[in-house]
Amino acid sequence: SEVVVAINVSARQFRNGNLDKLIAQALKKFKVPAHHLEVE
């Protein structure tokens, strides 16, 4: 229950304008509390 995973995002993905929506969908899909994910 204490694990946190950090993911790297690319420059193009960061500037694409929908990164927050993609992450929100994945968190909801797999029912993962947001504080377990970190973005670099």
Full PDB file with SEQRES, HELIX, SHEET, SSBOND, CRYST1, ORIGX, SCALE, CONECT and MASTER records, all heavy atoms in Angstrom:
SEQRES   1 A   40  SER GLU VAL VAL VAL ALA ILE ASN VAL SER ALA ARG GLN          
SEQRES   2 A   40  PHE ARG ASN GLY ASN LEU ASP LYS LEU ILE ALA GLN ALA          
SEQRES   3 A   40  LEU LYS LYS PHE LYS VAL PRO ALA HIS HIS LEU GLU VAL          
SEQRES   4 A   40  GLU                                                          
HELIX    1 AA1 ALA A   11  ARG A   15  1                                   5    
HELIX    2 AA2 LEU A   19  LYS A   29  1                                  11    
HELIX    3 AA3 ALA A   34  HIS A   36  5                                   3    
SHEET    1 AA1 2 VAL A   5  ILE A   7  0                                        
SHEET    2 AA1 2 LEU A  37  VAL A  39  1                                        
CRYST1    1.000    1.000    1.000  90.00  90.00  90.00 P 1           1          
ORIGX1      1.000000  0.000000  0.000000        0.00000                         
ORIGX2      0.000000  1.000000  0.000000        0.00000                         
ORIGX3      0.000000  0.000000  1.000000        0.00000                         
SCALE1      1.000000  0.000000  0.000000        0.00000                         
SCALE2      0.000000  1.000000  0.000000        0.00000                         
SCALE3      0.000000  0.000000  1.000000        0.00000                         
ATOM      1  N   SER A   1       0.792  -1.236   0.000  1.00  0.00           N  
ATOM      2  CA  SER A   1       0.000   0.000   0.000  1.00  0.00           C  
ATOM      3  C   SER A   1       0.819   1.278   0.000  1.00  0.00           C  
ATOM      4  O   SER A   1       0.272   2.358  -0.201  1.00  0.00           O  
ATOM      5  CB  SER A   1      -0.935   0.008   1.226  1.00  0.00           C  
ATOM      6  OG  SER A   1      -0.172  -0.088   2.428  1.00  0.00           O  
ATOM      7  N   GLU A   2       2.134   1.186   0.222  1.00  0.00           N  
ATOM      8  CA  GLU A   2       2.937   2.399   0.331  1.00  0.00           C  
ATOM      9  C   GLU A   2       3.689   2.738  -0.962  1.00  0.00           C  
ATOM     10  O   GLU A   2       4.397   3.737  -1.010  1.00  0.00           O  
ATOM     11  CB  GLU A   2       3.946   2.257   1.476  1.00  0.00           C  
ATOM     12  CG  GLU A   2       3.291   2.101   2.843  1.00  0.00           C  
ATOM     13  CD  GLU A   2       4.310   2.030   3.969  1.00  0.00           C  
ATOM     14  OE1 GLU A   2       5.519   2.135   3.666  1.00  0.00           O  
ATOM     15  OE2 GLU A   2       3.901   1.865   5.125  1.00  0.00           O  
ATOM     16  N   VAL A   3       3.574   1.904  -1.977  1.00  0.00           N  
ATOM     17  CA  VAL A   3       4.373   2.095  -3.182  1.00  0.00           C  
ATOM     18  C   VAL A   3       3.896   3.323  -3.974  1.00  0.00           C  
ATOM     19  O   VAL A   3       2.700   3.590  -4.089  1.00  0.00           O  
ATOM     20  CB  VAL A   3       4.334   0.831  -4.067  1.00  0.00           C  
ATOM     21  CG1 VAL A   3       2.929   0.588  -4.610  1.00  0.00           C  
ATOM     22  CG2 VAL A   3       5.331   0.944  -5.214  1.00  0.00           C  
ATOM     23  N   VAL A   4       4.879   4.071  -4.496  1.00  0.00           N  
ATOM     24  CA  VAL A   4       4.635   5.212  -5.389  1.00  0.00           C  
ATOM     25  C   VAL A   4       5.459   4.981  -6.652  1.00  0.00           C  
ATOM     26  O   VAL A   4       6.626   4.587  -6.568  1.00  0.00           O  
ATOM     27  CB  VAL A   4       5.053   6.540  -4.729  1.00  0.00           C  
ATOM     28  CG1 VAL A   4       4.924   7.699  -5.716  1.00  0.00           C  
ATOM     29  CG2 VAL A   4       4.219   6.809  -3.489  1.00  0.00           C  
ATOM     30  N   VAL A   5       4.870   5.208  -7.813  1.00  0.00           N  
ATOM     31  CA  VAL A   5       5.582   5.008  -9.076  1.00  0.00           C  
ATOM     32  C   VAL A   5       5.706   6.345  -9.805  1.00  0.00           C  
ATOM     33  O   VAL A   5       4.714   7.071  -9.967  1.00  0.00           O  
ATOM     34  CB  VAL A   5       4.858   3.985  -9.977  1.00  0.00           C  
ATOM     35  CG1 VAL A   5       5.479   3.963 -11.373  1.00  0.00           C  
ATOM     36  CG2 VAL A   5       4.939   2.596  -9.362  1.00  0.00           C  
ATOM     37  N   ALA A   6       6.928   6.660 -10.219  1.00  0.00           N  
ATOM     38  CA  ALA A   6       7.191   7.881 -10.987  1.00  0.00           C  
ATOM     39  C   ALA A   6       7.329   7.528 -12.456  1.00  0.00           C  
ATOM     40  O   ALA A   6       8.043   6.580 -12.808  1.00  0.00           O  
ATOM     41  CB  ALA A   6       8.467   8.550 -10.485  1.00  0.00           C  
ATOM     42  N   ILE A   7       6.653   8.265 -13.315  1.00  0.00           N  
ATOM     43  CA  ILE A   7       6.742   8.049 -14.761  1.00  0.00           C  
ATOM     44  C   ILE A   7       7.332   9.289 -15.414  1.00  0.00           C  
ATOM     45  O   ILE A   7       7.162  10.407 -14.940  1.00  0.00           O  
ATOM     46  CB  ILE A   7       5.366   7.732 -15.380  1.00  0.00           C  
ATOM     47  CG1 ILE A   7       4.377   8.880 -15.125  1.00  0.00           C  
ATOM     48  CG2 ILE A   7       4.814   6.413 -14.848  1.00  0.00           C  
ATOM     49  CD1 ILE A   7       3.060   8.731 -15.867  1.00  0.00           C  
ATOM     50  N   ASN A   8       8.047   9.073 -16.503  1.00  0.00           N  
ATOM     51  CA  ASN A   8       8.595  10.175 -17.292  1.00  0.00           C  
ATOM     52  C   ASN A   8       7.662  10.474 -18.459  1.00  0.00           C  
ATOM     53  O   ASN A   8       7.140   9.558 -19.097  1.00  0.00           O  
ATOM     54  CB  ASN A   8       9.970   9.794 -17.838  1.00  0.00           C  
ATOM     55  CG  ASN A   8      10.991   9.597 -16.740  1.00  0.00           C  
ATOM     56  OD1 ASN A   8      11.593  10.548 -16.262  1.00  0.00           O  
ATOM     57  ND2 ASN A   8      11.190   8.341 -16.320  1.00  0.00           N  
ATOM     58  N   VAL A   9       7.468  11.743 -18.746  1.00  0.00           N  
ATOM     59  CA  VAL A   9       6.672  12.125 -19.911  1.00  0.00           C  
ATOM     60  C   VAL A   9       7.573  12.860 -20.893  1.00  0.00           C  
ATOM     61  O   VAL A   9       8.521  13.558 -20.502  1.00  0.00           O  
ATOM     62  CB  VAL A   9       5.467  12.997 -19.520  1.00  0.00           C  
ATOM     63  CG1 VAL A   9       4.514  12.226 -18.623  1.00  0.00           C  
ATOM     64  CG2 VAL A   9       5.900  14.285 -18.845  1.00  0.00           C  
ATOM     65  N   SER A  10       7.298  12.695 -22.159  1.00  0.00           N  
ATOM     66  CA  SER A  10       8.100  13.326 -23.200  1.00  0.00           C  
ATOM     67  C   SER A  10       7.693  14.781 -23.383  1.00  0.00           C  
ATOM     68  O   SER A  10       6.610  15.212 -22.954  1.00  0.00           O  
ATOM     69  CB  SER A  10       7.925  12.580 -24.517  1.00  0.00           C  
ATOM     70  OG  SER A  10       6.619  12.797 -25.026  1.00  0.00           O  
ATOM     71  N   ALA A  11       8.550  15.530 -24.053  1.00  0.00           N  
ATOM     72  CA  ALA A  11       8.253  16.944 -24.320  1.00  0.00           C  
ATOM     73  C   ALA A  11       6.998  17.074 -25.172  1.00  0.00           C  
ATOM     74  O   ALA A  11       6.132  17.923 -24.917  1.00  0.00           O  
ATOM     75  CB  ALA A  11       9.447  17.588 -25.012  1.00  0.00           C  
ATOM     76  N   ARG A  12       6.883  16.221 -26.196  1.00  0.00           N  
ATOM     77  CA  ARG A  12       5.719  16.312 -27.081  1.00  0.00           C  
ATOM     78  C   ARG A  12       4.428  15.976 -26.340  1.00  0.00           C  
ATOM     79  O   ARG A  12       3.405  16.623 -26.520  1.00  0.00           O  
ATOM     80  CB  ARG A  12       5.900  15.369 -28.276  1.00  0.00           C  
ATOM     81  CG  ARG A  12       4.749  15.424 -29.271  1.00  0.00           C  
ATOM     82  CD  ARG A  12       5.018  14.605 -30.501  1.00  0.00           C  
ATOM     83  NE  ARG A  12       6.091  15.184 -31.310  1.00  0.00           N  
ATOM     84  CZ  ARG A  12       6.334  14.830 -32.581  1.00  0.00           C  
ATOM     85  NH1 ARG A  12       5.579  13.908 -33.167  1.00  0.00           N  
ATOM     86  NH2 ARG A  12       7.326  15.374 -33.250  1.00  0.00           N  
ATOM     87  N   GLN A  13       4.499  14.969 -25.478  1.00  0.00           N  
ATOM     88  CA  GLN A  13       3.326  14.588 -24.704  1.00  0.00           C  
ATOM     89  C   GLN A  13       2.932  15.684 -23.712  1.00  0.00           C  
ATOM     90  O   GLN A  13       1.755  15.961 -23.517  1.00  0.00           O  
ATOM     91  CB  GLN A  13       3.617  13.285 -23.968  1.00  0.00           C  
ATOM     92  CG  GLN A  13       2.405  12.644 -23.318  1.00  0.00           C  
ATOM     93  CD  GLN A  13       2.734  11.296 -22.707  1.00  0.00           C  
ATOM     94  OE1 GLN A  13       3.875  11.058 -22.298  1.00  0.00           O  
ATOM     95  NE2 GLN A  13       1.757  10.412 -22.649  1.00  0.00           N  
ATOM     96  N   PHE A  14       3.945  16.316 -23.121  1.00  0.00           N  
ATOM     97  CA  PHE A  14       3.689  17.379 -22.150  1.00  0.00           C  
ATOM     98  C   PHE A  14       3.019  18.577 -22.813  1.00  0.00           C  
ATOM     99  O   PHE A  14       2.160  19.241 -22.223  1.00  0.00           O  
ATOM    100  CB  PHE A  14       5.003  17.802 -21.489  1.00  0.00           C  
ATOM    101  CG  PHE A  14       4.842  18.830 -20.403  1.00  0.00           C  
ATOM    102  CD1 PHE A  14       4.335  18.488 -19.158  1.00  0.00           C  
ATOM    103  CD2 PHE A  14       5.206  20.155 -20.636  1.00  0.00           C  
ATOM    104  CE1 PHE A  14       4.192  19.438 -18.159  1.00  0.00           C  
ATOM    105  CE2 PHE A  14       5.066  21.109 -19.639  1.00  0.00           C  
ATOM    106  CZ  PHE A  14       4.561  20.746 -18.400  1.00  0.00           C  
ATOM    107  N   ARG A  15       3.418  18.849 -24.060  1.00  0.00           N  
ATOM    108  CA  ARG A  15       2.895  20.031 -24.763  1.00  0.00           C  
ATOM    109  C   ARG A  15       1.631  19.721 -25.557  1.00  0.00           C  
ATOM    110  O   ARG A  15       1.071  20.615 -26.198  1.00  0.00           O  
ATOM    111  CB  ARG A  15       3.967  20.576 -25.709  1.00  0.00           C  
ATOM    112  CG  ARG A  15       5.216  21.066 -24.989  1.00  0.00           C  
ATOM    113  CD  ARG A  15       6.343  21.317 -25.974  1.00  0.00           C  
ATOM    114  NE  ARG A  15       7.619  21.511 -25.282  1.00  0.00           N  
ATOM    115  CZ  ARG A  15       8.815  21.297 -25.821  1.00  0.00           C  
ATOM    116  NH1 ARG A  15       8.898  20.876 -27.083  1.00  0.00           N  
ATOM    117  NH2 ARG A  15       9.912  21.483 -25.127  1.00  0.00           N  
ATOM    118  N   ASN A  16       1.195  18.478 -25.542  1.00  0.00           N  
ATOM    119  CA  ASN A  16       0.062  18.082 -26.380  1.00  0.00           C  
ATOM    120  C   ASN A  16      -1.261  18.636 -25.879  1.00  0.00           C  
ATOM    121  O   ASN A  16      -2.246  18.679 -26.612  1.00  0.00           O  
ATOM    122  CB  ASN A  16      -0.007  16.556 -26.468  1.00  0.00           C  
ATOM    123  CG  ASN A  16      -0.617  16.089 -27.765  1.00  0.00           C  
ATOM    124  OD1 ASN A  16      -0.410  16.691 -28.825  1.00  0.00           O  
ATOM    125  ND2 ASN A  16      -1.391  15.017 -27.700  1.00  0.00           N  
ATOM    126  N   GLY A  17      -1.316  19.013 -24.590  1.00  0.00           N  
ATOM    127  CA  GLY A  17      -2.496  19.674 -24.062  1.00  0.00           C  
ATOM    128  C   GLY A  17      -3.515  18.779 -23.384  1.00  0.00           C  
ATOM    129  O   GLY A  17      -4.503  19.286 -22.836  1.00  0.00           O  
ATOM    130  N   ASN A  18      -3.298  17.464 -23.409  1.00  0.00           N  
ATOM    131  CA  ASN A  18      -4.291  16.580 -22.787  1.00  0.00           C  
ATOM    132  C   ASN A  18      -3.667  15.605 -21.798  1.00  0.00           C  
ATOM    133  O   ASN A  18      -4.260  14.566 -21.488  1.00  0.00           O  
ATOM    134  CB  ASN A  18      -5.052  15.799 -23.866  1.00  0.00           C  
ATOM    135  CG  ASN A  18      -4.150  14.851 -24.651  1.00  0.00           C  
ATOM    136  OD1 ASN A  18      -2.922  14.996 -24.611  1.00  0.00           O  
ATOM    137  ND2 ASN A  18      -4.746  13.900 -25.348  1.00  0.00           N  
ATOM    138  N   LEU A  19      -2.474  15.913 -21.304  1.00  0.00           N  
ATOM    139  CA  LEU A  19      -1.778  14.991 -20.405  1.00  0.00           C  
ATOM    140  C   LEU A  19      -2.583  14.744 -19.140  1.00  0.00           C  
ATOM    141  O   LEU A  19      -2.685  13.600 -18.667  1.00  0.00           O  
ATOM    142  CB  LEU A  19      -0.387  15.542 -20.061  1.00  0.00           C  
ATOM    143  CG  LEU A  19       0.482  14.682 -19.139  1.00  0.00           C  
ATOM    144  CD1 LEU A  19       0.727  13.308 -19.757  1.00  0.00           C  
ATOM    145  CD2 LEU A  19       1.809  15.387 -18.859  1.00  0.00           C  
ATOM    146  N   ASP A  20      -3.154  15.790 -18.580  1.00  0.00           N  
ATOM    147  CA  ASP A  20      -3.921  15.617 -17.345  1.00  0.00           C  
ATOM    148  C   ASP A  20      -5.133  14.713 -17.560  1.00  0.00           C  
ATOM    149  O   ASP A  20      -5.492  13.900 -16.695  1.00  0.00           O  
ATOM    150  CB  ASP A  20      -4.349  16.973 -16.789  1.00  0.00           C  
ATOM    151  CG  ASP A  20      -5.195  17.773 -17.783  1.00  0.00           C  
ATOM    152  OD1 ASP A  20      -4.849  17.769 -18.984  1.00  0.00           O  
ATOM    153  OD2 ASP A  20      -6.186  18.386 -17.345  1.00  0.00           O  
ATOM    154  N   LYS A  21      -5.758  14.820 -18.743  1.00  0.00           N  
ATOM    155  CA  LYS A  21      -6.924  13.984 -19.031  1.00  0.00           C  
ATOM    156  C   LYS A  21      -6.525  12.523 -19.185  1.00  0.00           C  
ATOM    157  O   LYS A  21      -7.219  11.617 -18.690  1.00  0.00           O  
ATOM    158  CB  LYS A  21      -7.628  14.488 -20.296  1.00  0.00           C  
ATOM    159  CG  LYS A  21      -8.185  15.905 -20.177  1.00  0.00           C  
ATOM    160  CD  LYS A  21      -8.853  16.325 -21.463  1.00  0.00           C  
ATOM    161  CE  LYS A  21      -9.430  17.740 -21.342  1.00  0.00           C  
ATOM    162  NZ  LYS A  21      -8.383  18.751 -21.103  1.00  0.00           N  
ATOM    163  N   LEU A  22      -5.395  12.276 -19.860  1.00  0.00           N  
ATOM    164  CA  LEU A  22      -4.926  10.896 -20.039  1.00  0.00           C  
ATOM    165  C   LEU A  22      -4.619  10.245 -18.693  1.00  0.00           C  
ATOM    166  O   LEU A  22      -4.989   9.090 -18.453  1.00  0.00           O  
ATOM    167  CB  LEU A  22      -3.677  10.885 -20.924  1.00  0.00           C  
ATOM    168  CG  LEU A  22      -3.871  11.225 -22.400  1.00  0.00           C  
ATOM    169  CD1 LEU A  22      -2.521  11.373 -23.083  1.00  0.00           C  
ATOM    170  CD2 LEU A  22      -4.704  10.134 -23.081  1.00  0.00           C  
ATOM    171  N   ILE A  23      -3.964  10.987 -17.822  1.00  0.00           N  
ATOM    172  CA  ILE A  23      -3.610  10.446 -16.508  1.00  0.00           C  
ATOM    173  C   ILE A  23      -4.858  10.232 -15.669  1.00  0.00           C  
ATOM    174  O   ILE A  23      -5.001   9.205 -14.994  1.00  0.00           O  
ATOM    175  CB  ILE A  23      -2.609  11.375 -15.801  1.00  0.00           C  
ATOM    176  CG1 ILE A  23      -1.259  11.348 -16.536  1.00  0.00           C  
ATOM    177  CG2 ILE A  23      -2.430  10.981 -14.341  1.00  0.00           C  
ATOM    178  CD1 ILE A  23      -0.213  12.280 -15.971  1.00  0.00           C  
ATOM    179  N   ALA A  24      -5.783  11.181 -15.716  1.00  0.00           N  
ATOM    180  CA  ALA A  24      -7.022  11.050 -14.946  1.00  0.00           C  
ATOM    181  C   ALA A  24      -7.802   9.809 -15.390  1.00  0.00           C  
ATOM    182  O   ALA A  24      -8.347   9.061 -14.560  1.00  0.00           O  
ATOM    183  CB  ALA A  24      -7.871  12.304 -15.104  1.00  0.00           C  
ATOM    184  N   GLN A  25      -7.842   9.553 -16.709  1.00  0.00           N  
ATOM    185  CA  GLN A  25      -8.557   8.386 -17.230  1.00  0.00           C  
ATOM    186  C   GLN A  25      -7.907   7.090 -16.751  1.00  0.00           C  
ATOM    187  O   GLN A  25      -8.598   6.137 -16.364  1.00  0.00           O  
ATOM    188  CB  GLN A  25      -8.574   8.425 -18.757  1.00  0.00           C  
ATOM    189  CG  GLN A  25      -9.468   9.516 -19.331  1.00  0.00           C  
ATOM    190  CD  GLN A  25      -9.293   9.679 -20.833  1.00  0.00           C  
ATOM    191  OE1 GLN A  25      -8.556   8.916 -21.469  1.00  0.00           O  
ATOM    192  NE2 GLN A  25      -9.969  10.676 -21.390  1.00  0.00           N  
ATOM    193  N   ALA A  26      -6.559   7.045 -16.774  1.00  0.00           N  
ATOM    194  CA  ALA A  26      -5.859   5.832 -16.354  1.00  0.00           C  
ATOM    195  C   ALA A  26      -6.044   5.573 -14.864  1.00  0.00           C  
ATOM    196  O   ALA A  26      -6.251   4.437 -14.432  1.00  0.00           O  
ATOM    197  CB  ALA A  26      -4.374   5.944 -16.690  1.00  0.00           C  
ATOM    198  N   LEU A  27      -5.971   6.626 -14.062  1.00  0.00           N  
ATOM    199  CA  LEU A  27      -6.183   6.474 -12.614  1.00  0.00           C  
ATOM    200  C   LEU A  27      -7.582   5.947 -12.321  1.00  0.00           C  
ATOM    201  O   LEU A  27      -7.778   5.070 -11.469  1.00  0.00           O  
ATOM    202  CB  LEU A  27      -5.960   7.812 -11.905  1.00  0.00           C  
ATOM    203  CG  LEU A  27      -4.521   8.355 -11.871  1.00  0.00           C  
ATOM    204  CD1 LEU A  27      -4.511   9.774 -11.309  1.00  0.00           C  
ATOM    205  CD2 LEU A  27      -3.613   7.450 -11.049  1.00  0.00           C  
ATOM    206  N   LYS A  28      -8.562   6.496 -13.056  1.00  0.00           N  
ATOM    207  CA  LYS A  28      -9.957   6.068 -12.853  1.00  0.00           C  
ATOM    208  C   LYS A  28     -10.163   4.638 -13.340  1.00  0.00           C  
ATOM    209  O   LYS A  28     -10.839   3.829 -12.669  1.00  0.00           O  
ATOM    210  CB  LYS A  28     -10.889   7.027 -13.595  1.00  0.00           C  
ATOM    211  CG  LYS A  28     -12.366   6.704 -13.403  1.00  0.00           C  
ATOM    212  CD  LYS A  28     -13.240   7.721 -14.130  1.00  0.00           C  
ATOM    213  CE  LYS A  28     -14.726   7.392 -13.936  1.00  0.00           C  
ATOM    214  NZ  LYS A  28     -15.594   8.384 -14.643  1.00  0.00           N  
ATOM    215  N   LYS A  29      -9.577   4.312 -14.472  1.00  0.00           N  
ATOM    216  CA  LYS A  29      -9.745   2.981 -15.060  1.00  0.00           C  
ATOM    217  C   LYS A  29      -9.254   1.881 -14.133  1.00  0.00           C  
ATOM    218  O   LYS A  29      -9.895   0.840 -13.982  1.00  0.00           O  
ATOM    219  CB  LYS A  29      -9.007   2.916 -16.405  1.00  0.00           C  
ATOM    220  CG  LYS A  29      -9.059   1.558 -17.081  1.00  0.00           C  
ATOM    221  CD  LYS A  29      -8.314   1.597 -18.404  1.00  0.00           C  
ATOM    222  CE  LYS A  29      -8.325   0.230 -19.094  1.00  0.00           C  
ATOM    223  NZ  LYS A  29      -7.602   0.259 -20.397  1.00  0.00           N  
ATOM    224  N   PHE A  30      -8.093   2.120 -13.504  1.00  0.00           N  
ATOM    225  CA  PHE A  30      -7.504   1.093 -12.648  1.00  0.00           C  
ATOM    226  C   PHE A  30      -7.736   1.354 -11.158  1.00  0.00           C  
ATOM    227  O   PHE A  30      -7.189   0.644 -10.316  1.00  0.00           O  
ATOM    228  CB  PHE A  30      -6.005   0.980 -12.944  1.00  0.00           C  
ATOM    229  CG  PHE A  30      -5.705   0.502 -14.335  1.00  0.00           C  
ATOM    230  CD1 PHE A  30      -5.303   1.399 -15.315  1.00  0.00           C  
ATOM    231  CD2 PHE A  30      -5.864  -0.833 -14.674  1.00  0.00           C  
ATOM    232  CE1 PHE A  30      -5.043   0.967 -16.614  1.00  0.00           C  
ATOM    233  CE2 PHE A  30      -5.605  -1.277 -15.970  1.00  0.00           C  
ATOM    234  CZ  PHE A  30      -5.196  -0.367 -16.942  1.00  0.00           C  
ATOM    235  N   LYS A  31      -8.540   2.372 -10.867  1.00  0.00           N  
ATOM    236  CA  LYS A  31      -8.924   2.685  -9.483  1.00  0.00           C  
ATOM    237  C   LYS A  31      -7.690   2.854  -8.591  1.00  0.00           C  
ATOM    238  O   LYS A  31      -7.577   2.254  -7.520  1.00  0.00           O  
ATOM    239  CB  LYS A  31      -9.836   1.591  -8.925  1.00  0.00           C  
ATOM    240  CG  LYS A  31     -11.138   1.445  -9.713  1.00  0.00           C  
ATOM    241  CD  LYS A  31     -12.007   0.329  -9.151  1.00  0.00           C  
ATOM    242  CE  LYS A  31     -13.299   0.184  -9.972  1.00  0.00           C  
ATOM    243  NZ  LYS A  31     -14.154  -0.928  -9.464  1.00  0.00           N  
ATOM    244  N   VAL A  32      -6.780   3.686  -9.066  1.00  0.00           N  
ATOM    245  CA  VAL A  32      -5.542   3.967  -8.333  1.00  0.00           C  
ATOM    246  C   VAL A  32      -5.641   5.347  -7.692  1.00  0.00           C  
ATOM    247  O   VAL A  32      -5.886   6.339  -8.393  1.00  0.00           O  
ATOM    248  CB  VAL A  32      -4.317   3.926  -9.268  1.00  0.00           C  
ATOM    249  CG1 VAL A  32      -3.058   4.369  -8.542  1.00  0.00           C  
ATOM    250  CG2 VAL A  32      -4.136   2.520  -9.840  1.00  0.00           C  
ATOM    251  N   PRO A  33      -5.461   5.454  -6.385  1.00  0.00           N  
ATOM    252  CA  PRO A  33      -5.430   6.783  -5.740  1.00  0.00           C  
ATOM    253  C   PRO A  33      -4.301   7.630  -6.335  1.00  0.00           C  
ATOM    254  O   PRO A  33      -3.185   7.139  -6.552  1.00  0.00           O  
ATOM    255  CB  PRO A  33      -5.171   6.456  -4.269  1.00  0.00           C  
ATOM    256  CG  PRO A  33      -5.661   5.050  -4.098  1.00  0.00           C  
ATOM    257  CD  PRO A  33      -5.370   4.361  -5.395  1.00  0.00           C  
ATOM    258  N   ALA A  34      -4.593   8.879  -6.595  1.00  0.00           N  
ATOM    259  CA  ALA A  34      -3.650   9.739  -7.327  1.00  0.00           C  
ATOM    260  C   ALA A  34      -2.307   9.890  -6.624  1.00  0.00           C  
ATOM    261  O   ALA A  34      -1.270  10.051  -7.282  1.00  0.00           O  
ATOM    262  CB  ALA A  34      -4.277  11.115  -7.553  1.00  0.00           C  
ATOM    263  N   HIS A  35      -2.283   9.838  -5.274  1.00  0.00           N  
ATOM    264  CA  HIS A  35      -1.023  10.084  -4.571  1.00  0.00           C  
ATOM    265  C   HIS A  35      -0.015   8.954  -4.752  1.00  0.00           C  
ATOM    266  O   HIS A  35       1.133   9.073  -4.329  1.00  0.00           O  
ATOM    267  CB  HIS A  35      -1.285  10.326  -3.076  1.00  0.00           C  
ATOM    268  CG  HIS A  35      -1.812   9.126  -2.351  1.00  0.00           C  
ATOM    269  ND1 HIS A  35      -3.156   8.868  -2.241  1.00  0.00           N  
ATOM    270  CD2 HIS A  35      -1.175   8.124  -1.701  1.00  0.00           C  
ATOM    271  CE1 HIS A  35      -3.340   7.756  -1.548  1.00  0.00           C  
ATOM    272  NE2 HIS A  35      -2.151   7.285  -1.214  1.00  0.00           N  
ATOM    273  N   HIS A  36      -0.418   7.863  -5.410  1.00  0.00           N  
ATOM    274  CA  HIS A  36       0.521   6.776  -5.698  1.00  0.00           C  
ATOM    275  C   HIS A  36       1.279   7.007  -7.011  1.00  0.00           C  
ATOM    276  O   HIS A  36       2.157   6.223  -7.355  1.00  0.00           O  
ATOM    277  CB  HIS A  36      -0.218   5.434  -5.770  1.00  0.00           C  
ATOM    278  CG  HIS A  36      -0.637   4.918  -4.434  1.00  0.00           C  
ATOM    279  ND1 HIS A  36       0.213   4.266  -3.574  1.00  0.00           N  
ATOM    280  CD2 HIS A  36      -1.836   4.973  -3.808  1.00  0.00           C  
ATOM    281  CE1 HIS A  36      -0.439   3.937  -2.476  1.00  0.00           C  
ATOM    282  NE2 HIS A  36      -1.686   4.361  -2.584  1.00  0.00           N  
ATOM    283  N   LEU A  37       0.934   8.051  -7.729  1.00  0.00           N  
ATOM    284  CA  LEU A  37       1.570   8.323  -9.016  1.00  0.00           C  
ATOM    285  C   LEU A  37       2.350   9.634  -8.953  1.00  0.00           C  
ATOM    286  O   LEU A  37       1.893  10.611  -8.366  1.00  0.00           O  
ATOM    287  CB  LEU A  37       0.522   8.406 -10.130  1.00  0.00           C  
ATOM    288  CG  LEU A  37       1.071   8.475 -11.565  1.00  0.00           C  
ATOM    289  CD1 LEU A  37       1.740   7.164 -11.950  1.00  0.00           C  
ATOM    290  CD2 LEU A  37      -0.058   8.801 -12.551  1.00  0.00           C  
ATOM    291  N   GLU A  38       3.515   9.627  -9.590  1.00  0.00           N  
ATOM    292  CA  GLU A  38       4.363  10.820  -9.671  1.00  0.00           C  
ATOM    293  C   GLU A  38       4.758  11.025 -11.127  1.00  0.00           C  
ATOM    294  O   GLU A  38       5.032  10.058 -11.843  1.00  0.00           O  
ATOM    295  CB  GLU A  38       5.610  10.624  -8.799  1.00  0.00           C  
ATOM    296  CG  GLU A  38       6.554  11.800  -8.759  1.00  0.00           C  
ATOM    297  CD  GLU A  38       7.709  11.553  -7.790  1.00  0.00           C  
ATOM    298  OE1 GLU A  38       7.490  10.893  -6.753  1.00  0.00           O  
ATOM    299  OE2 GLU A  38       8.833  12.023  -8.077  1.00  0.00           O  
ATOM    300  N   VAL A  39       4.783  12.262 -11.570  1.00  0.00           N  
ATOM    301  CA  VAL A  39       5.161  12.585 -12.947  1.00  0.00           C  
ATOM    302  C   VAL A  39       6.456  13.384 -12.930  1.00  0.00           C  
ATOM    303  O   VAL A  39       6.574  14.371 -12.191  1.00  0.00           O  
ATOM    304  CB  VAL A  39       4.049  13.379 -13.669  1.00  0.00           C  
ATOM    305  CG1 VAL A  39       4.527  13.873 -15.037  1.00  0.00           C  
ATOM    306  CG2 VAL A  39       2.808  12.516 -13.824  1.00  0.00           C  
ATOM    307  N   GLU A  40       7.424  12.951 -13.745  1.00  0.00           N  
ATOM    308  CA  GLU A  40       8.718  13.635 -13.835  1.00  0.00           C  
ATOM    309  C   GLU A  40       8.791  14.443 -15.120  1.00  0.00           C  
ATOM    310  O   GLU A  40       8.513  13.926 -16.211  1.00  0.00           O  
ATOM    311  CB  GLU A  40       9.861  12.618 -13.776  1.00  0.00           C  
ATOM    312  CG  GLU A  40       9.935  11.868 -12.456  1.00  0.00           C  
ATOM    313  CD  GLU A  40      11.208  11.052 -12.315  1.00  0.00           C  
ATOM    314  OE1 GLU A  40      12.060  11.119 -13.225  1.00  0.00           O  
ATOM    315  OE2 GLU A  40      11.348  10.350 -11.303  1.00  0.00           O  
TER     316      GLU A  40                                                      
MASTER        0    0    0    3    2    0    0    6  315    1    0    4          
END                                                                             
